[in-house]
Protein backbone atom coordinates (compact mmCIF):
# COMPACT_ATOMS: atom_id res chain seq x y z
CA MET A 1 -37.08 6.38 3.06
CA ARG A 2 -36.94 2.68 3.97
CA ILE A 3 -33.95 2.10 1.75
CA TYR A 4 -32.14 5.02 3.37
CA LYS A 5 -32.78 3.55 6.85
CA GLN A 6 -31.47 0.16 5.56
CA ILE A 7 -28.30 1.82 4.36
CA MET A 8 -27.67 3.42 7.79
CA LYS A 9 -28.32 0.20 9.67
CA ALA A 10 -25.93 -1.68 7.35
CA LYS A 11 -23.24 0.88 8.12
CA ARG A 12 -23.92 0.73 11.91
CA ALA A 13 -23.69 -3.07 11.72
CA LYS A 14 -20.36 -2.77 9.83
CA GLN A 15 -21.54 -4.91 6.85
CA LYS A 16 -19.24 -5.66 4.01
CA MET A 17 -21.38 -4.41 1.20
CA ASN A 18 -19.74 -6.26 -1.72
CA THR A 19 -22.94 -6.54 -3.76
CA PRO A 20 -26.13 -4.47 -4.04
CA ASN A 21 -27.99 -7.12 -1.93
CA ASP A 22 -25.80 -6.33 1.00
CA LEU A 23 -27.69 -3.06 1.44
CA LEU A 24 -30.60 -5.11 2.65
CA GLU A 25 -30.88 -6.61 6.13
CA ARG A 26 -30.90 -10.35 6.43
CA GLY A 27 -34.29 -11.68 5.53
CA GLU A 28 -35.52 -8.23 4.34
CA PRO A 29 -37.51 -8.60 1.03
CA SER A 30 -36.39 -6.46 -1.88
CA LYS A 31 -38.79 -3.70 -3.16
CA GLU A 32 -39.22 -3.63 -6.91
CA LEU A 33 -39.21 -0.41 -8.85
CA SER A 34 -42.58 1.01 -9.67
CA HIS A 35 -43.98 1.15 -13.25
CA PHE A 36 -44.78 4.80 -12.61
CA LEU A 37 -41.91 7.20 -12.95
CA VAL A 38 -43.35 9.75 -10.60
CA ASP A 39 -43.27 7.20 -7.77
CA ASN A 40 -39.68 6.20 -8.48
CA GLU A 41 -38.54 9.87 -8.70
CA ALA A 42 -40.26 10.64 -5.26
CA THR A 43 -38.57 7.65 -3.68
CA PHE A 44 -35.06 8.52 -4.74
CA ASN A 45 -35.44 12.17 -4.04
CA VAL A 46 -36.09 11.34 -0.46
CA ILE A 47 -33.03 8.99 -0.34
CA PHE A 48 -30.64 11.50 -1.81
CA ALA A 49 -32.39 14.69 -0.59
CA GLU A 50 -29.44 16.07 1.41
CA ASN A 51 -26.73 15.34 -1.19
CA PHE A 52 -25.88 18.60 -3.09
CA ASP A 53 -24.28 16.53 -5.90
CA TYR A 54 -27.39 14.47 -6.60
CA TYR A 55 -28.73 15.11 -10.10
CA HIS A 56 -32.04 13.90 -11.64
CA LYS A 57 -33.66 14.88 -14.93
CA ARG A 58 -36.55 13.92 -17.05
CA VAL A 59 -35.52 12.63 -20.46
CA TYR A 60 -37.01 10.70 -23.38
CA VAL A 61 -35.99 7.00 -23.70
CA GLY A 62 -37.15 6.01 -27.21
CA GLY A 63 -40.91 6.57 -27.21
CA ASN A 64 -41.21 6.55 -23.34
CA ASP A 65 -40.67 9.19 -20.71
CA GLY A 66 -37.62 8.52 -18.74
CA LEU A 67 -35.60 9.65 -15.66
CA ILE A 68 -31.82 9.84 -15.36
CA LEU A 69 -30.15 9.80 -11.93
CA TYR A 70 -26.56 10.17 -10.90
CA LEU A 71 -24.10 11.87 -8.50
CA LYS A 72 -22.19 14.70 -10.28
CA SER A 73 -19.14 14.15 -8.08
CA MET A 74 -18.91 10.52 -9.08
CA VAL A 75 -19.45 10.60 -12.87
CA ASP A 76 -17.59 12.14 -15.76
CA THR A 77 -20.09 15.00 -16.42
CA LYS A 78 -18.55 15.72 -19.83
CA SER A 79 -19.01 12.19 -20.91
CA VAL A 80 -22.59 12.19 -19.67
CA SER A 81 -23.52 15.34 -21.54
CA GLU A 82 -21.69 14.58 -24.77
CA TYR A 83 -22.35 10.90 -25.02
CA LEU A 84 -25.22 9.78 -22.77
CA MET A 85 -27.61 12.82 -23.27
CA GLU A 86 -26.87 13.16 -27.03
CA THR A 87 -27.40 9.39 -27.52
CA LEU A 88 -30.72 9.54 -25.85
CA ALA A 89 -31.71 12.55 -27.93
CA GLU A 90 -30.79 10.70 -31.15
CA ALA A 91 -32.70 7.61 -29.91
CA TYR A 92 -35.85 9.84 -29.42
CA GLN A 93 -36.06 10.29 -33.22
CA GLY A 94 -37.05 6.67 -33.53
CA LYS A 95 -39.69 6.92 -30.77
CA LYS A 96 -39.78 3.13 -30.43
CA THR A 97 -41.91 2.34 -27.35
CA ILE A 98 -40.35 0.14 -24.61
CA HIS A 99 -42.74 -2.32 -22.92
CA SER A 100 -40.71 -5.07 -21.28
CA GLU A 101 -37.29 -6.11 -19.98
CA GLU A 102 -36.43 -7.53 -23.47
CA ASP A 103 -37.12 -4.20 -24.99
CA VAL A 104 -34.80 -2.59 -22.46
CA GLN A 105 -32.10 -4.98 -23.36
CA ARG A 106 -32.58 -4.47 -27.08
CA PHE A 107 -32.43 -0.65 -26.51
CA GLN A 108 -29.16 -1.02 -24.67
CA LYS A 109 -27.54 -3.09 -27.30
CA LYS A 110 -28.66 -0.74 -30.05
CA ILE A 111 -28.03 2.63 -28.34
CA PHE A 112 -25.21 1.82 -25.91
CA PRO A 113 -23.49 -1.21 -27.45
CA SER A 114 -20.04 -0.55 -25.97
CA SER A 115 -20.96 0.59 -22.50
CA ASP A 116 -20.53 -1.25 -19.22
CA TYR A 117 -24.08 -1.59 -17.98
CA ALA A 118 -26.39 -3.52 -15.67
CA LEU A 119 -30.16 -3.96 -15.47
CA VAL A 120 -31.67 -2.85 -12.24
CA GLN A 121 -35.05 -4.22 -10.89
CA TYR A 122 -34.90 -3.19 -7.22
CA GLU A 123 -34.71 0.14 -5.40
CA HIS A 124 -31.57 -0.95 -3.42
CA GLU A 125 -29.88 -1.74 -6.66
CA VAL A 126 -30.40 1.81 -7.97
CA VAL A 127 -28.98 3.18 -4.78
CA TRP A 128 -26.04 0.96 -5.12
CA TYR A 129 -25.22 1.86 -8.74
CA VAL A 130 -25.74 5.58 -8.08
CA LEU A 131 -23.24 5.45 -5.28
CA SER A 132 -20.82 3.55 -7.46
CA GLY A 133 -20.62 6.17 -10.13
CA TYR A 134 -23.27 4.79 -12.59
CA CYS A 135 -25.92 6.79 -14.39
CA VAL A 136 -29.30 5.03 -13.83
CA ILE A 137 -32.06 5.38 -16.46
CA LEU A 138 -35.50 4.64 -15.33
CA ILE A 139 -38.36 4.17 -17.95
CA GLU A 140 -42.02 4.94 -17.65
CA GLY A 141 -44.25 1.89 -17.81
CA VAL A 142 -41.36 -0.57 -17.09
CA SER A 143 -40.18 -1.84 -13.72
CA LYS A 144 -36.58 -2.27 -15.01
CA GLY A 145 -33.90 0.31 -15.29
CA LEU A 146 -30.57 0.61 -17.06
CA ALA A 147 -27.36 1.51 -15.07
CA ILE A 148 -24.58 2.87 -17.35
CA ASN A 149 -21.05 3.11 -16.09
CA SER A 150 -19.97 6.78 -16.23
CA THR A 151 -17.38 6.82 -13.52
CA THR A 152 -15.02 9.72 -13.59
CA ASN A 153 -11.53 9.03 -14.80
CA GLU A 154 -9.73 11.74 -12.72
CA LYS A 155 -6.40 10.38 -11.59
CA ARG A 156 -2.81 11.34 -11.12
CA ALA A 157 -0.46 10.80 -14.08
CA ILE A 158 2.21 8.08 -13.83
CA GLU A 159 5.36 9.71 -12.46
CA GLN A 160 8.69 8.77 -11.18
CA SER A 161 8.87 7.26 -7.67
CA ASN A 162 9.70 9.81 -5.00
CA THR A 163 10.11 7.24 -2.15
CA GLN A 164 12.26 4.48 -3.70
CA THR A 165 14.46 6.22 -6.36
CA ILE A 166 16.93 4.43 -8.52
CA ILE A 167 19.54 5.56 -11.08
CA ARG A 168 19.19 2.80 -13.65
CA GLY A 169 15.90 0.98 -14.30
CA PRO A 170 12.23 1.81 -14.99
CA LYS A 171 11.02 5.20 -13.71
CA ASP A 172 7.28 4.56 -13.55
CA SER A 173 5.48 4.23 -10.33
CA PHE A 174 1.99 3.28 -9.09
CA THR A 175 -0.80 5.89 -8.79
CA GLU A 176 -3.96 6.07 -6.66
CA ALA A 177 -6.02 4.52 -9.52
CA LEU A 178 -6.61 0.75 -9.06
CA PRO A 179 -7.10 -0.01 -12.90
CA THR A 180 -3.92 1.93 -13.64
CA ASN A 181 -1.89 0.00 -11.18
CA ILE A 182 -3.15 -3.30 -12.44
CA SER A 183 -2.27 -2.37 -15.93
CA LEU A 184 1.34 -1.48 -14.91
CA ILE A 185 1.73 -4.97 -13.52
CA ARG A 186 0.11 -6.69 -16.52
CA ARG A 187 2.34 -4.80 -18.85
CA LYS A 188 5.37 -6.36 -17.16
CA ILE A 189 3.88 -9.84 -16.51
CA LYS A 190 2.12 -11.18 -19.71
CA ASN A 191 1.04 -14.44 -18.09
CA PRO A 192 -2.44 -15.99 -18.32
CA HIS A 193 -1.86 -17.41 -14.83
CA LEU A 194 -1.69 -13.79 -13.29
CA ILE A 195 -4.91 -13.62 -11.11
CA CYS A 196 -6.41 -10.35 -9.95
CA GLU A 197 -9.39 -10.94 -7.54
CA LYS A 198 -11.25 -7.91 -6.24
CA VAL A 199 -12.73 -7.57 -2.74
CA ILE A 200 -14.66 -4.74 -1.20
CA VAL A 201 -13.35 -3.75 2.20
CA GLY A 202 -14.79 -0.94 4.57
CA SER A 203 -18.53 -0.62 5.20
CA ASP A 204 -18.45 3.15 4.60
CA THR A 205 -15.68 3.67 2.20
CA GLN A 206 -16.45 0.58 0.04
CA THR A 207 -12.67 0.40 -0.99
CA ALA A 208 -11.78 -2.02 -3.78
CA VAL A 209 -8.82 -4.27 -2.79
CA CYS A 210 -7.21 -6.49 -5.48
CA ILE A 211 -5.38 -9.69 -4.52
CA THR A 212 -2.85 -10.48 -7.20
CA TYR A 213 -0.71 -13.53 -7.61
CA LEU A 214 0.58 -16.11 -10.21
CA LYS A 215 -1.59 -19.11 -9.81
CA ASN A 216 1.00 -21.49 -11.19
CA ILE A 217 3.73 -20.25 -8.86
CA ALA A 218 2.20 -18.98 -5.61
CA ASP A 219 1.60 -21.29 -2.75
CA PRO A 220 -2.16 -22.03 -2.51
CA LYS A 221 -2.06 -22.16 1.21
CA ILE A 222 -0.59 -18.76 1.50
CA VAL A 223 -2.99 -17.40 -0.99
CA GLU A 224 -5.91 -18.75 1.00
CA GLU A 225 -4.40 -17.30 4.21
CA VAL A 226 -4.27 -13.84 2.59
CA LYS A 227 -7.90 -14.10 1.39
CA LYS A 228 -9.07 -15.25 4.79
CA ARG A 229 -7.38 -12.32 6.62
CA ILE A 230 -8.81 -9.74 4.20
CA ASN A 231 -12.24 -11.18 4.32
CA GLU A 232 -12.12 -11.10 8.16
CA ILE A 233 -11.42 -7.29 8.15
CA ASP A 234 -14.27 -5.60 9.94
CA ILE A 235 -13.86 -1.80 9.83
CA HIS A 236 -15.73 1.32 8.68
CA GLY A 237 -13.10 2.73 6.30
CA ILE A 238 -9.87 1.97 4.34
CA PHE A 239 -8.05 5.05 3.21
CA ASP A 240 -4.65 3.55 2.37
CA SER A 241 -2.79 0.29 2.01
CA GLY A 242 -1.28 1.01 5.47
CA ASN A 243 -4.68 0.32 7.01
CA ILE A 244 -4.81 -3.15 5.43
CA GLU A 245 -1.17 -3.84 6.49
CA GLU A 246 -1.95 -3.10 10.05
CA LEU A 247 -5.17 -5.32 10.05
CA ILE A 248 -3.70 -8.43 8.41
CA ASN A 249 -0.26 -8.13 10.08
CA ASP A 250 1.25 -11.16 11.87
CA ASP A 251 2.48 -9.29 14.77
CA MET A 252 1.24 -5.64 15.08
CA TYR A 253 3.33 -5.04 18.12
CA SER A 254 6.66 -5.84 16.49
CA PRO A 255 8.87 -2.99 15.47
CA PHE A 256 9.85 -4.89 12.40
CA PRO A 257 7.36 -4.83 9.38
CA THR A 258 6.20 -8.26 8.35
CA ILE A 259 4.63 -6.90 5.11
CA TYR A 260 6.65 -5.23 2.34
CA HIS A 261 5.31 -2.08 0.50
CA THR A 262 6.42 -0.48 -2.65
CA ASP A 263 5.29 2.00 -5.31
CA ARG A 264 7.41 0.48 -7.98
CA PRO A 265 5.83 -1.86 -10.54
CA ASP A 266 9.17 -3.54 -11.41
CA THR A 267 9.58 -4.61 -7.85
CA THR A 268 6.10 -5.81 -7.52
CA SER A 269 6.45 -7.87 -10.68
CA THR A 270 9.66 -9.43 -9.41
CA LYS A 271 8.06 -10.46 -6.11
CA LEU A 272 5.10 -11.97 -7.95
CA ILE A 273 7.32 -14.08 -10.20
CA ASP A 274 9.11 -15.23 -7.03
CA GLY A 275 5.72 -16.71 -5.74
CA LYS A 276 4.56 -13.85 -3.44
CA ILE A 277 1.20 -12.19 -3.32
CA ALA A 278 0.49 -8.53 -3.95
CA ILE A 279 -2.37 -6.50 -2.54
CA VAL A 280 -3.43 -3.39 -4.51
CA VAL A 281 -5.60 -0.92 -2.76
CA ASP A 282 -7.80 1.57 -4.62
CA GLY A 283 -6.65 5.13 -3.62
CA SER A 284 -3.13 4.15 -2.58
CA PRO A 285 -0.01 4.22 -4.62
CA PHE A 286 1.63 1.70 -2.39
CA VAL A 287 1.26 -1.99 -3.08
CA LEU A 288 1.58 -4.55 -0.23
CA ILE A 289 3.63 -7.76 -0.83
CA MET A 290 3.64 -10.86 1.32
CA PRO A 291 5.08 -13.01 2.71
CA VAL A 292 8.24 -11.22 3.43
CA VAL A 293 11.68 -12.00 4.98
CA LEU A 294 14.28 -9.83 6.57
CA ASN A 295 16.55 -9.94 3.43
CA ASP A 296 13.85 -8.39 1.25
CA PHE A 297 14.22 -5.07 3.02
CA PHE A 298 17.82 -4.81 1.89
CA GLN A 299 17.24 -5.55 -1.81
CA VAL A 300 16.23 -3.00 -4.39
CA SER A 301 15.38 -3.59 -8.02
CA GLU A 302 18.51 -1.66 -9.22
CA ASP A 303 20.65 -4.54 -7.72
CA TYR A 304 19.66 -6.59 -10.72
CA TYR A 305 20.09 -3.78 -13.31
CA GLN A 306 23.72 -3.17 -12.40
CA GLY A 307 26.66 -5.43 -12.46
CA ILE A 308 27.06 -8.20 -9.85
CA PHE A 309 29.99 -6.52 -8.15
CA ILE A 310 28.38 -3.14 -7.68
CA GLY A 311 25.03 -4.78 -6.83
CA SER A 312 26.59 -6.99 -4.15
CA PHE A 313 28.73 -3.94 -2.78
CA THR A 314 25.81 -1.67 -2.31
CA ARG A 315 23.70 -4.43 -0.76
CA SER A 316 26.48 -4.99 1.71
CA ILE A 317 26.53 -1.20 2.42
CA ARG A 318 22.95 -1.41 3.37
CA TYR A 319 23.48 -4.17 5.79
CA LEU A 320 26.44 -2.28 7.32
CA SER A 321 24.30 0.94 7.46
CA PHE A 322 21.51 -0.72 9.28
CA MET A 323 23.97 -2.02 11.97
CA ILE A 324 25.43 1.53 12.29
CA ALA A 325 22.07 3.08 12.71
CA LEU A 326 21.17 0.46 15.24
CA ILE A 327 24.10 0.21 17.58
CA LEU A 328 26.48 3.13 16.89
CA PRO A 329 25.02 5.42 19.61
CA SER A 330 24.92 2.72 22.24
CA MET A 331 28.54 1.75 21.37
CA TYR A 332 29.53 5.38 22.02
CA ILE A 333 27.89 5.34 25.40
CA GLY A 334 29.40 1.97 26.37
CA LEU A 335 32.95 2.83 25.31
CA THR A 336 33.03 6.40 26.71
CA THR A 337 31.31 5.65 30.01
CA PHE A 338 32.18 2.04 30.91
CA HIS A 339 34.91 0.61 28.72
CA GLN A 340 37.44 3.45 28.20
CA GLN A 341 40.24 0.82 28.09
CA LEU A 342 38.89 -0.37 24.65
CA ILE A 343 39.50 3.08 23.08
CA PRO A 344 43.00 3.82 21.70
CA THR A 345 44.89 6.01 24.07
CA ASN A 346 45.27 9.15 21.72
CA LEU A 347 41.57 9.00 20.78
CA ALA A 348 40.57 8.59 24.43
CA PHE A 349 42.56 11.73 25.30
CA ASN A 350 40.95 13.72 22.48
CA LEU A 351 37.40 12.56 23.49
CA GLN A 352 38.10 13.46 27.16
CA ALA A 353 39.42 16.87 26.06
CA GLN A 354 36.28 17.65 23.94
CA ARG A 355 34.09 16.67 26.89
CA GLU A 356 35.68 19.12 29.28
CA GLY A 357 33.11 21.66 30.30
CA VAL A 358 30.11 19.63 29.08
CA PRO A 359 27.67 19.61 32.02
CA PHE A 360 25.74 16.53 31.17
CA PRO A 361 26.51 12.73 31.28
CA ALA A 362 27.21 11.13 27.90
CA VAL A 363 23.86 9.37 27.79
CA VAL A 364 21.90 12.63 28.55
CA GLU A 365 24.01 14.42 25.92
CA LEU A 366 23.29 11.73 23.27
CA LEU A 367 19.55 11.63 24.03
CA MET A 368 19.27 15.36 23.70
CA MET A 369 20.98 15.25 20.21
CA GLU A 370 18.92 12.27 19.12
CA ILE A 371 15.62 13.80 20.11
CA THR A 372 16.68 17.13 18.55
CA PHE A 373 17.46 15.31 15.27
CA GLU A 374 14.11 13.51 15.33
CA ILE A 375 12.39 16.81 15.77
CA LEU A 376 14.35 18.35 12.78
CA ARG A 377 13.53 15.24 10.74
CA GLU A 378 9.78 15.49 11.39
CA ALA A 379 9.77 19.21 10.79
CA GLY A 380 11.62 18.70 7.45
CA VAL A 381 9.14 16.08 6.32
CA ARG A 382 5.89 17.80 7.39
CA MET A 383 6.75 21.41 6.23
CA PRO A 384 6.45 22.47 2.67
CA ARG A 385 9.40 21.40 0.47
CA ALA A 386 10.97 24.82 0.15
CA VAL A 387 10.73 25.43 3.85
CA GLY A 388 11.68 21.89 4.84
CA GLN A 389 14.99 22.11 2.94
CA ALA A 390 15.79 25.32 4.80
CA ILE A 391 14.95 23.60 8.10
CA SER A 392 17.43 20.84 7.44
CA ILE A 393 20.09 23.25 6.67
CA VAL A 394 19.51 25.24 9.78
CA GLY A 395 19.31 22.17 11.94
CA THR A 396 22.55 20.58 10.65
CA LEU A 397 24.69 23.70 10.35
CA VAL A 398 23.49 26.20 12.82
CA ILE A 399 22.16 24.21 15.73
CA GLY A 400 24.97 21.58 15.71
CA GLN A 401 27.66 24.13 15.53
CA ALA A 402 26.05 26.34 18.15
CA ALA A 403 25.56 23.42 20.56
CA VAL A 404 29.32 22.54 20.32
CA GLU A 405 30.48 26.14 20.72
CA ALA A 406 28.18 26.52 23.71
CA GLY A 407 29.67 23.52 25.36
CA VAL A 408 26.44 21.61 25.58
CA VAL A 409 27.66 18.62 23.60
CA SER A 410 31.02 17.48 22.36
CA SER A 411 31.90 17.74 18.61
CA PHE A 412 32.57 13.96 18.39
CA LEU A 413 29.03 13.23 19.58
CA VAL A 414 27.81 15.39 16.64
CA ILE A 415 29.73 13.21 14.35
CA VAL A 416 28.14 10.07 15.81
CA VAL A 417 24.63 11.42 15.55
CA ALA A 418 25.17 12.63 12.01
CA LEU A 419 26.59 9.27 10.94
CA THR A 420 23.82 7.47 12.61
CA ALA A 421 21.22 9.59 10.87
CA MET A 422 22.86 9.14 7.39
CA ALA A 423 23.02 5.38 7.91
CA GLY A 424 19.32 5.26 8.74
CA PHE A 425 18.51 7.03 5.38
CA VAL A 426 20.25 4.27 3.40
CA SER A 427 17.48 1.75 3.96
CA PRO A 428 15.39 1.53 0.87
CA ILE A 429 12.17 0.86 2.85
CA TYR A 430 11.02 3.72 5.17
CA SER A 431 8.99 1.46 7.49
CA PHE A 432 12.07 -0.86 8.06
CA ALA A 433 14.30 2.17 8.79
CA ASN A 434 11.81 3.16 11.47
CA SER A 435 12.57 -0.09 13.19
CA ALA A 436 16.23 0.96 13.74
CA ARG A 437 14.95 4.49 14.92
CA LEU A 438 12.90 2.83 17.67
CA LEU A 439 15.25 0.10 18.80
CA ARG A 440 18.14 2.55 18.98
CA PHE A 441 16.64 4.37 21.96
CA GLY A 442 16.13 1.05 23.71
CA LEU A 443 19.70 0.09 23.22
CA ILE A 444 20.90 3.49 24.45
CA LEU A 445 19.00 3.11 27.70
CA ILE A 446 20.05 -0.47 28.41
CA THR A 447 23.67 0.39 27.62
CA ALA A 448 23.66 3.37 29.99
CA VAL A 449 22.82 0.86 32.78
CA LEU A 450 24.87 -2.21 31.81
CA GLY A 451 27.52 -0.99 29.45
CA LEU A 452 28.46 -2.94 26.31
CA TYR A 453 27.05 -6.12 28.10
CA GLY A 454 23.67 -4.34 27.86
CA THR A 455 24.26 -3.75 24.15
CA LEU A 456 25.13 -7.34 23.60
CA LEU A 457 22.04 -8.44 25.62
CA GLY A 458 19.78 -6.10 23.58
CA ILE A 459 21.16 -7.38 20.31
CA ILE A 460 20.52 -11.03 21.53
CA MET A 461 16.91 -10.04 22.40
CA ILE A 462 16.33 -8.55 18.97
CA LEU A 463 17.73 -11.63 17.22
CA ALA A 464 15.50 -13.87 19.37
CA HIS A 465 12.52 -11.71 18.36
CA LEU A 466 13.45 -11.90 14.73
CA ALA A 467 13.73 -15.65 14.96
CA SER A 468 10.18 -15.88 16.44
CA LEU A 469 8.57 -13.68 13.84
CA ARG A 470 6.55 -15.17 10.95
CA SER A 471 5.15 -13.64 7.83
CA PHE A 472 2.23 -15.68 6.75
CA SER A 473 3.81 -18.79 8.21
CA VAL A 474 7.18 -18.06 6.53
CA PRO A 475 10.14 -17.62 9.03
CA TYR A 476 11.19 -14.08 9.07
CA LEU A 477 14.96 -14.82 8.99
CA ALA A 478 14.65 -17.34 6.08
CA PRO A 479 16.89 -18.36 4.31
CA MET A 480 19.48 -17.58 7.00
CA GLY A 481 17.51 -19.12 9.80
CA PRO A 482 16.62 -21.88 9.01
CA PHE A 483 19.66 -21.92 6.77
CA ILE A 484 18.76 -22.95 3.18
CA LEU A 485 21.78 -23.48 1.02
CA GLU A 486 20.11 -23.22 -2.30
CA ASP A 487 18.69 -19.82 -1.44
CA GLN A 488 22.04 -18.21 -0.65
CA THR A 489 22.43 -17.01 -4.23
CA ASP A 490 20.59 -13.81 -3.54
CA THR A 491 21.00 -12.91 0.17
CA LEU A 492 24.08 -10.99 1.29
CA LEU A 493 25.54 -11.05 -2.17
CA ARG A 494 23.97 -11.16 -5.63
CA LEU A 495 25.25 -13.81 -7.88
CA PRO A 496 24.90 -13.59 -11.71
CA LEU A 497 21.31 -13.61 -13.08
CA LYS A 498 21.80 -17.04 -14.73
CA MET A 499 22.32 -18.57 -11.33
CA LEU A 500 19.07 -17.02 -10.03
CA ASN A 501 16.79 -19.56 -11.78
CA ARG A 502 15.12 -20.70 -8.65
CA LYS A 503 12.50 -18.87 -6.73
CA PRO A 504 12.86 -19.10 -2.86
CA SER A 505 12.30 -22.59 -1.77
CA TYR A 506 10.76 -21.39 1.52
CA LEU A 507 7.71 -20.34 -0.54
CA SER A 508 6.98 -23.49 -2.57
CA LYS A 509 8.59 -26.67 -3.89
CA ARG A 510 8.15 -25.74 -7.56
CA ALA A 511 11.15 -23.53 -8.04
CA THR A 512 12.80 -23.94 -11.46
CA ASP A 513 12.29 -21.80 -14.58
CA GLU A 514 11.65 -24.99 -16.64
CA GLN A 515 8.59 -25.75 -14.52
CA ARG A 516 7.21 -22.20 -14.79
CA LYS A 517 7.76 -22.22 -18.51
CA ALA A 518 5.92 -25.53 -18.86
CA ASP A 519 3.06 -24.21 -16.83
CA SER A 520 2.88 -21.08 -18.85
CA LYS A 521 2.72 -23.09 -22.16
CA GLU A 522 -0.05 -25.23 -20.78
CA GLY A 523 -1.89 -22.20 -19.75
CA GLY A 524 -1.48 -20.59 -23.25
CA LYS A 525 -2.72 -23.67 -24.91
CA SER A 526 -5.70 -23.82 -22.75
C-alpha cells in the first residue's frame, strides 16, 4: 500500500519518472522484496487490486516455488504462454534449487539467454517493470526477482503517407511505434554518428521521446537547446508529437509554425543530413524537425526526385499559391470597394452587373462565403470518408450555385473563394497552410477599412513578424534574411544535385561533403 501511495504522490507532484527510483519520494528509503513469496504476493495484490488486467500465478522456478506477475494488456500473452511458461515448465525438470542472486543470474543465462531482462530487488522496481510491460518472476527464499521483457508488438503496418503524398519517391511512412520509426531512419542513414537518445516525458503517460541527430554534423549548441527544452517539460501526459511541439515552440502565439513535422522517413533523413534535429515520439506517426526556416515549408522530397526544371517550377507554384491564398480575397475587397479605377473597364462593368441585386457589401459577402467554406472544410475532414466526399460535392456544387442564383453572392466572388481554397491546399504542410487561413481574415478586415493601403500595411506587419521569428536561435527568414549567397542554390529554385554539396550555413560552419565523408570514415575506423 505504501508503494501505491508513493506512485500517486509522484503523479500529483508531476515527477518525470525516467527510472524506477523516480517512483520514490526524495529521501524515501527503498523497501526490499521479502524472502517469503506469500508476503510479496500480498503486497502486489494490494497495489494492483483495482486493475482488471493484472495477472499473477504461482509457478515453479527450477526447484523453488515462484510467482509471475504482469499486466495482460501490456504483454504479448501468446509469447508469455508459449515461451515463458513452457520454458519454466522445462526448467522444472532439473529442479535445481536457487539460493542467491548469483543463482538467479545463472538461471537467467541458461533458461532465458536471449531475453531482455533486469534483476529487481525492491518493491518499487517490480511496480515499474510491471507497468512497463515486463513479466516479473519472484522466487521463494530469494529477495531478488527477474523481469523479462514481454511487451506486446501490436502496431500499425508501414503504409503510404496520407498527408504528404508524392508521385515519385519512397512510399513508406512512419507509424505509431517508436522502434519502427527509428529503424526506418536508420535504414536510410547508415552512419555511426547517428545518435538516438531516449527521454521519458509525462508523469502519467510515461511517453518515450527520442532525440535524433548526426553528431558530426549537427550544431552542438542547438542539440543542447533541444535537450534542455524537452527536459524542462512538466506535464501529466503526452499523446502526440503536437504536444511536444507546442511545449518547446519558440513563439506559441505566432500563426507560423517554428517546428516542422512530417510522417515521411526520406524527408526526415534529408533534414538530419542537413544538420537538423528530429524528435520521434512514441505513439505518434509525425516526427518533429528543428530548427526550421520559412523556405522548408515550400520544399517536398519529390523536388529532388524529379528534374531540376519541374522541381523548380512546382516549388514556384507553391510560393505563388501561398500568396494567392493569403491576399487574393483582400485584393478583391480593395479593388471592388475602394480602387475601382485599377480594374479594366470591361471587367469592372461585368463585376458591377453581377453585383446588381446583391443585398450585402462586398466584405460581408466575402466573409459569408469564407466562413461557409471553412464549415464545409471541417465537415469534410471530421465526417467519415464516404460521407465527407459527398459533403464536399454538395458544398461546392449545390450551395455555391444556389447562392449565386438566389442573389446572395456574385458569381465572380465564388471564383475568388474557390481559387483561394485551392491555393491553400497546395501547401505540403498542413500547419503552414493554416497560417494563411488565419491571416487571410485579418487582411480582409483591415482592407475593408483602409483599402489596398490596409493590405499593404498588413503584409508589412507580417514580414516584420517573420523577420523577428527565431527557430532555436536560427532566423526564420534565412537564407533570404539575412541574405546568404551560398545558400541560394536551394531556395526559390532547385539547382542540380551536384551543386547542393553544402548543408545550410546558418546551421553550422562545417558544410562540405568532403568534411562529412572524412568524419564518417573516422567514426567507422573507431
